[in-house]
Structure formats: structure tokens, C-alpha cells
N, C-alpha and C. Protein backbone atom coordinates (compact mmCIF):
# COMPACT_ATOMS: atom_id res chain seq x y z
N MET A 1 0.84 -1.18 0.00
CA MET A 1 0.00 0.00 0.00
C MET A 1 0.88 1.24 0.00
N LYS A 2 0.57 2.19 -0.88
CA LYS A 2 1.33 3.44 -0.94
C LYS A 2 1.02 4.31 0.27
N ASN A 3 2.03 5.04 0.71
CA ASN A 3 1.82 5.98 1.81
C ASN A 3 1.90 7.42 1.31
N TYR A 4 1.61 7.62 0.04
CA TYR A 4 1.57 8.97 -0.53
C TYR A 4 0.56 9.00 -1.67
N THR A 5 0.13 10.20 -2.03
CA THR A 5 -0.76 10.42 -3.16
C THR A 5 -0.21 11.58 -3.96
N LYS A 6 -0.16 11.44 -5.26
CA LYS A 6 0.36 12.49 -6.15
C LYS A 6 -0.71 12.87 -7.15
N VAL A 7 -0.89 14.18 -7.35
CA VAL A 7 -1.80 14.69 -8.38
C VAL A 7 -1.11 15.83 -9.11
N ASN A 8 -1.62 16.19 -10.26
CA ASN A 8 -1.15 17.36 -11.01
C ASN A 8 -2.30 18.34 -11.06
N VAL A 9 -2.04 19.58 -10.63
CA VAL A 9 -3.12 20.57 -10.56
C VAL A 9 -3.36 21.30 -11.88
N GLY A 10 -2.45 21.15 -12.84
CA GLY A 10 -2.65 21.82 -14.12
C GLY A 10 -2.79 23.32 -13.98
N ASN A 11 -3.67 23.89 -14.77
CA ASN A 11 -3.87 25.34 -14.77
C ASN A 11 -5.35 25.70 -14.67
N GLU A 12 -6.08 24.91 -13.90
CA GLU A 12 -7.51 25.16 -13.71
C GLU A 12 -7.72 26.45 -12.91
N PRO A 13 -8.89 27.06 -13.02
CA PRO A 13 -9.16 28.26 -12.23
C PRO A 13 -9.03 28.00 -10.72
N ARG A 14 -9.48 26.82 -10.27
CA ARG A 14 -9.38 26.47 -8.84
C ARG A 14 -9.32 24.96 -8.72
N THR A 15 -8.36 24.50 -7.94
CA THR A 15 -8.25 23.07 -7.65
C THR A 15 -8.11 22.90 -6.15
N GLU A 16 -9.10 22.22 -5.53
CA GLU A 16 -9.05 21.94 -4.10
C GLU A 16 -8.47 20.55 -3.91
N LEU A 17 -7.52 20.43 -3.00
CA LEU A 17 -6.80 19.17 -2.82
C LEU A 17 -7.35 18.27 -1.72
N HIS A 18 -8.32 18.74 -0.96
CA HIS A 18 -8.86 17.95 0.15
C HIS A 18 -9.27 16.55 -0.30
N ASP A 19 -10.14 16.46 -1.28
CA ASP A 19 -10.61 15.16 -1.75
C ASP A 19 -9.58 14.47 -2.63
N LEU A 20 -8.90 15.24 -3.49
CA LEU A 20 -7.93 14.64 -4.41
C LEU A 20 -6.80 13.92 -3.69
N LEU A 21 -6.36 14.48 -2.56
CA LEU A 21 -5.24 13.88 -1.81
C LEU A 21 -5.68 13.15 -0.55
N GLY A 22 -6.94 13.26 -0.18
CA GLY A 22 -7.40 12.66 1.06
C GLY A 22 -6.81 13.35 2.27
N LEU A 23 -6.75 14.68 2.23
CA LEU A 23 -6.15 15.44 3.33
C LEU A 23 -6.98 15.30 4.60
N THR A 24 -6.30 15.23 5.74
CA THR A 24 -7.00 15.07 7.02
C THR A 24 -6.72 16.19 8.02
N GLY A 25 -5.80 17.09 7.70
CA GLY A 25 -5.47 18.14 8.65
C GLY A 25 -5.46 19.54 8.06
N ALA A 26 -5.71 19.63 6.75
CA ALA A 26 -5.66 20.94 6.10
C ALA A 26 -6.45 20.88 4.80
N GLU A 27 -6.85 22.04 4.31
CA GLU A 27 -7.39 22.18 2.96
C GLU A 27 -6.40 23.03 2.21
N VAL A 28 -6.03 22.63 1.02
CA VAL A 28 -5.10 23.37 0.18
C VAL A 28 -5.75 23.54 -1.18
N SER A 29 -5.69 24.75 -1.72
CA SER A 29 -6.21 24.96 -3.07
C SER A 29 -5.23 25.79 -3.89
N PHE A 30 -5.20 25.50 -5.18
CA PHE A 30 -4.47 26.29 -6.16
C PHE A 30 -5.50 27.14 -6.88
N ASN A 31 -5.21 28.44 -7.02
CA ASN A 31 -6.17 29.39 -7.58
C ASN A 31 -5.51 30.23 -8.66
N ASN A 32 -6.21 30.39 -9.78
CA ASN A 32 -5.72 31.20 -10.91
C ASN A 32 -6.83 32.14 -11.35
N LEU A 33 -6.62 33.43 -11.15
CA LEU A 33 -7.59 34.43 -11.59
C LEU A 33 -7.01 35.21 -12.76
N PRO A 34 -7.70 35.28 -13.89
CA PRO A 34 -7.20 36.09 -15.01
C PRO A 34 -7.32 37.57 -14.69
N ALA A 35 -6.62 38.39 -15.46
CA ALA A 35 -6.64 39.85 -15.26
C ALA A 35 -8.08 40.34 -15.13
N GLY A 36 -8.31 41.16 -14.12
CA GLY A 36 -9.61 41.77 -13.90
C GLY A 36 -10.63 40.90 -13.19
N ALA A 37 -10.35 39.62 -13.03
CA ALA A 37 -11.31 38.71 -12.38
C ALA A 37 -11.12 38.72 -10.87
N GLY A 38 -12.18 38.36 -10.18
CA GLY A 38 -12.12 38.27 -8.73
C GLY A 38 -12.95 37.12 -8.21
N VAL A 39 -12.70 36.73 -6.99
CA VAL A 39 -13.53 35.74 -6.33
C VAL A 39 -14.91 36.38 -6.17
N PRO A 40 -15.99 35.71 -6.59
CA PRO A 40 -17.30 36.37 -6.65
C PRO A 40 -18.04 36.49 -5.32
N PHE A 41 -17.36 36.27 -4.20
CA PHE A 41 -18.03 36.37 -2.91
C PHE A 41 -17.04 36.79 -1.83
N VAL A 42 -17.56 37.37 -0.77
CA VAL A 42 -16.79 37.70 0.43
C VAL A 42 -17.06 36.56 1.42
N HIS A 43 -16.01 36.13 2.13
CA HIS A 43 -16.24 35.06 3.10
C HIS A 43 -15.32 35.21 4.31
N SER A 44 -15.68 34.50 5.36
CA SER A 44 -14.85 34.36 6.56
C SER A 44 -14.99 32.92 6.99
N HIS A 45 -14.37 32.56 8.10
CA HIS A 45 -14.46 31.20 8.61
C HIS A 45 -14.81 31.23 10.09
N LYS A 46 -15.34 30.12 10.57
CA LYS A 46 -15.66 29.99 11.99
C LYS A 46 -14.41 29.61 12.78
N ASN A 47 -13.61 28.67 12.25
CA ASN A 47 -12.48 28.11 12.99
C ASN A 47 -11.15 28.16 12.26
N ASN A 48 -11.15 28.30 10.95
CA ASN A 48 -9.94 28.10 10.17
C ASN A 48 -9.27 29.39 9.73
N GLU A 49 -7.95 29.46 9.99
CA GLU A 49 -7.16 30.55 9.42
C GLU A 49 -6.70 30.11 8.04
N GLU A 50 -6.35 31.09 7.21
CA GLU A 50 -5.87 30.79 5.87
C GLU A 50 -4.53 31.46 5.63
N ILE A 51 -3.68 30.77 4.89
CA ILE A 51 -2.39 31.31 4.46
C ILE A 51 -2.43 31.35 2.95
N TYR A 52 -2.18 32.51 2.38
CA TYR A 52 -2.17 32.69 0.93
C TYR A 52 -0.74 32.93 0.49
N ILE A 53 -0.30 32.21 -0.54
CA ILE A 53 1.04 32.33 -1.09
C ILE A 53 0.91 32.70 -2.56
N VAL A 54 1.36 33.90 -2.93
CA VAL A 54 1.24 34.37 -4.32
C VAL A 54 2.39 33.79 -5.13
N LEU A 55 2.04 32.99 -6.14
CA LEU A 55 3.03 32.34 -6.98
C LEU A 55 3.42 33.19 -8.19
N GLU A 56 2.44 33.86 -8.77
CA GLU A 56 2.65 34.68 -9.97
C GLU A 56 1.64 35.82 -9.97
N GLY A 57 2.00 36.91 -10.64
CA GLY A 57 1.05 37.97 -10.92
C GLY A 57 0.87 38.98 -9.82
N LYS A 58 -0.24 39.72 -9.97
CA LYS A 58 -0.56 40.82 -9.05
C LYS A 58 -2.06 40.85 -8.79
N GLY A 59 -2.42 41.40 -7.63
CA GLY A 59 -3.82 41.54 -7.30
C GLY A 59 -3.99 42.23 -5.98
N THR A 60 -5.19 42.08 -5.42
CA THR A 60 -5.49 42.68 -4.12
C THR A 60 -6.30 41.69 -3.29
N ALA A 61 -6.18 41.86 -2.00
CA ALA A 61 -7.04 41.16 -1.04
C ALA A 61 -7.75 42.24 -0.25
N THR A 62 -9.06 42.19 -0.22
CA THR A 62 -9.82 43.08 0.64
C THR A 62 -10.08 42.32 1.93
N LEU A 63 -9.51 42.84 3.03
CA LEU A 63 -9.55 42.18 4.33
C LEU A 63 -10.22 43.12 5.32
N ASP A 64 -11.45 42.78 5.73
CA ASP A 64 -12.23 43.67 6.59
C ASP A 64 -12.22 45.10 6.07
N GLU A 65 -12.45 45.27 4.79
CA GLU A 65 -12.56 46.55 4.09
C GLU A 65 -11.23 47.24 3.83
N GLU A 66 -10.10 46.67 4.27
CA GLU A 66 -8.77 47.21 3.94
C GLU A 66 -8.28 46.49 2.68
N VAL A 67 -7.85 47.26 1.68
CA VAL A 67 -7.34 46.68 0.44
C VAL A 67 -5.83 46.54 0.56
N VAL A 68 -5.36 45.29 0.43
CA VAL A 68 -3.94 44.96 0.54
C VAL A 68 -3.44 44.53 -0.83
N THR A 69 -2.37 45.18 -1.31
CA THR A 69 -1.78 44.83 -2.60
C THR A 69 -0.99 43.53 -2.48
N LEU A 70 -1.15 42.65 -3.47
CA LEU A 70 -0.45 41.37 -3.49
C LEU A 70 0.42 41.28 -4.73
N ASN A 71 1.64 40.79 -4.55
CA ASN A 71 2.59 40.59 -5.65
C ASN A 71 3.24 39.22 -5.51
N LYS A 72 3.83 38.73 -6.59
CA LYS A 72 4.54 37.46 -6.57
C LYS A 72 5.49 37.41 -5.37
N GLY A 73 5.45 36.30 -4.64
CA GLY A 73 6.31 36.12 -3.48
C GLY A 73 5.68 36.54 -2.16
N ASP A 74 4.57 37.26 -2.21
CA ASP A 74 3.91 37.67 -0.96
C ASP A 74 3.23 36.48 -0.30
N VAL A 75 3.26 36.47 1.03
CA VAL A 75 2.56 35.46 1.83
C VAL A 75 1.77 36.22 2.88
N ILE A 76 0.50 35.88 3.03
CA ILE A 76 -0.34 36.59 3.98
C ILE A 76 -1.17 35.58 4.77
N LYS A 77 -1.22 35.75 6.09
CA LYS A 77 -2.05 34.92 6.97
C LYS A 77 -3.28 35.73 7.33
N VAL A 78 -4.45 35.08 7.22
CA VAL A 78 -5.70 35.76 7.51
C VAL A 78 -6.42 35.01 8.64
N ALA A 79 -6.75 35.73 9.71
CA ALA A 79 -7.45 35.14 10.86
C ALA A 79 -8.85 34.69 10.45
N PRO A 80 -9.40 33.70 11.15
CA PRO A 80 -10.68 33.12 10.75
C PRO A 80 -11.81 34.11 10.50
N THR A 81 -12.06 35.01 11.42
CA THR A 81 -13.23 35.88 11.30
C THR A 81 -13.07 37.06 10.36
N THR A 82 -11.88 37.24 9.80
CA THR A 82 -11.64 38.33 8.86
C THR A 82 -12.45 38.11 7.59
N LYS A 83 -13.22 39.10 7.18
CA LYS A 83 -13.93 39.03 5.90
C LYS A 83 -12.92 39.26 4.79
N ARG A 84 -12.94 38.38 3.76
CA ARG A 84 -11.91 38.43 2.72
C ARG A 84 -12.49 38.23 1.33
N GLN A 85 -11.81 38.87 0.37
CA GLN A 85 -12.14 38.71 -1.04
C GLN A 85 -10.90 39.04 -1.86
N PHE A 86 -10.62 38.24 -2.90
CA PHE A 86 -9.40 38.39 -3.70
C PHE A 86 -9.74 38.76 -5.13
N LYS A 87 -8.85 39.56 -5.74
CA LYS A 87 -9.06 40.04 -7.10
C LYS A 87 -7.72 40.17 -7.80
N ALA A 88 -7.67 39.78 -9.07
CA ALA A 88 -6.48 40.00 -9.89
C ALA A 88 -6.44 41.47 -10.31
N SER A 89 -5.24 41.96 -10.63
CA SER A 89 -5.14 43.34 -11.12
C SER A 89 -5.83 43.42 -12.48
N ASP A 90 -6.14 44.63 -12.90
CA ASP A 90 -6.82 44.82 -14.19
C ASP A 90 -5.93 44.43 -15.37
N LYS A 91 -4.61 44.49 -15.19
CA LYS A 91 -3.69 44.23 -16.30
C LYS A 91 -2.98 42.89 -16.24
N GLU A 92 -3.07 42.19 -15.10
CA GLU A 92 -2.31 40.96 -14.92
C GLU A 92 -3.08 40.00 -14.02
N GLY A 93 -3.07 38.72 -14.37
CA GLY A 93 -3.70 37.72 -13.54
C GLY A 93 -2.90 37.45 -12.28
N ILE A 94 -3.45 36.60 -11.43
CA ILE A 94 -2.75 36.22 -10.20
C ILE A 94 -2.97 34.72 -9.96
N SER A 95 -1.92 34.04 -9.53
CA SER A 95 -1.98 32.63 -9.15
C SER A 95 -1.50 32.53 -7.71
N TYR A 96 -2.27 31.81 -6.90
CA TYR A 96 -1.90 31.68 -5.49
C TYR A 96 -2.36 30.35 -4.93
N ILE A 97 -1.68 29.95 -3.88
CA ILE A 97 -2.07 28.77 -3.10
C ILE A 97 -2.75 29.28 -1.83
N CYS A 98 -3.82 28.62 -1.44
CA CYS A 98 -4.47 28.91 -0.17
C CYS A 98 -4.40 27.66 0.69
N ILE A 99 -3.86 27.80 1.90
CA ILE A 99 -3.78 26.71 2.86
C ILE A 99 -4.69 27.07 4.03
N GLN A 100 -5.64 26.19 4.32
CA GLN A 100 -6.62 26.44 5.37
C GLN A 100 -6.42 25.40 6.48
N VAL A 101 -6.21 25.89 7.70
CA VAL A 101 -6.01 25.00 8.85
C VAL A 101 -6.76 25.56 10.05
N LYS A 102 -7.08 24.69 11.00
CA LYS A 102 -7.76 25.14 12.21
C LYS A 102 -6.83 26.03 13.02
N ALA A 103 -7.29 27.22 13.35
CA ALA A 103 -6.50 28.16 14.13
C ALA A 103 -6.12 27.55 15.48
N ASP A 104 -4.91 27.82 15.93
CA ASP A 104 -4.39 27.38 17.22
C ASP A 104 -4.30 25.87 17.38
N SER A 105 -4.24 25.12 16.27
CA SER A 105 -4.18 23.66 16.36
C SER A 105 -2.76 23.11 16.23
N LEU A 106 -1.81 23.92 15.80
CA LEU A 106 -0.45 23.43 15.58
C LEU A 106 0.30 23.41 16.91
N LYS A 107 0.58 22.22 17.39
CA LYS A 107 1.25 22.07 18.69
C LYS A 107 2.71 21.67 18.52
N GLU A 108 3.01 20.87 17.50
CA GLU A 108 4.38 20.47 17.20
C GLU A 108 4.61 20.68 15.71
N TYR A 109 5.81 21.09 15.35
CA TYR A 109 6.12 21.34 13.95
C TYR A 109 7.61 21.25 13.74
N THR A 110 8.01 21.20 12.49
CA THR A 110 9.40 21.11 12.06
C THR A 110 10.13 20.04 12.86
N ALA A 111 11.21 20.38 13.54
CA ALA A 111 12.04 19.39 14.25
C ALA A 111 11.28 18.76 15.42
N ASN A 112 10.37 19.49 16.05
CA ASN A 112 9.65 18.92 17.18
C ASN A 112 8.73 17.77 16.79
N ASP A 113 8.28 17.75 15.53
CA ASP A 113 7.39 16.71 15.05
C ASP A 113 8.13 15.68 14.18
N ALA A 114 9.38 15.91 13.93
CA ALA A 114 10.15 15.03 13.04
C ALA A 114 10.70 13.82 13.77
N VAL A 115 10.82 12.73 13.02
CA VAL A 115 11.51 11.54 13.49
C VAL A 115 12.76 11.42 12.61
N ILE A 116 13.93 11.59 13.20
CA ILE A 116 15.19 11.57 12.44
C ILE A 116 15.72 10.13 12.38
N TYR A 117 16.07 9.67 11.19
CA TYR A 117 16.60 8.31 11.00
C TYR A 117 18.07 8.36 10.65
């Protein structure tokens, strides 16, 4: 039995990995918005914080009515109750990864959670 799952996300507008990989501790999505496009809704979460990693392009995140400029290489953490909406710039698309995890759930990480062989 394999102890890993591999998928290719291609270049779809949005690919959620929860079901594709059988994730049990996080939701991860790849997102591609063409120039001028935006996520068509504002949302927040009850329990989950989100980490956004901009891979390519430019855009904005509206976070509780504050507009934050996003560029390639930017990483932003958003608290659960923050109202959020993302948009590509008018002249350039944006590609980003969103990682969603339960806030305050990380107790061990990196070397503390590693088993060295």
C-alpha cells in the first residue's frame, strides 16, 4: 500500500486538494484568476485561518474593508473571522495557493514533530 498520493493541478481556475489527496489536517487549493477577475463572494471562517502564497502575478485582497496589494512572493495569513475577497489586477492575472487550517491547532512542527533516522 502506498503511503503517498500524487496529483497534477494543471492550470484550472481552482483546484481543491482535500478530496484529491485525502487530506486530514488541512485544505489546500491552487487558484488562478485572469486579469480583472475576482472571487465572486466575500467570506470568513468559523475556525480556520488561511495562508495565501502568491506564486505569480498581481492583485489585491480586501480584508475587513482594507485593500492589501499582493505581488509574486507575498505570503499573507488571515485570521478566521476576517472578511476576505481576492481580485487580480486589471492588467495581470494572479496565481496563489491557499492553505486552510484550524487556528491554534499546531502544537508540534518542524524538528519537534520530526523523526530523524
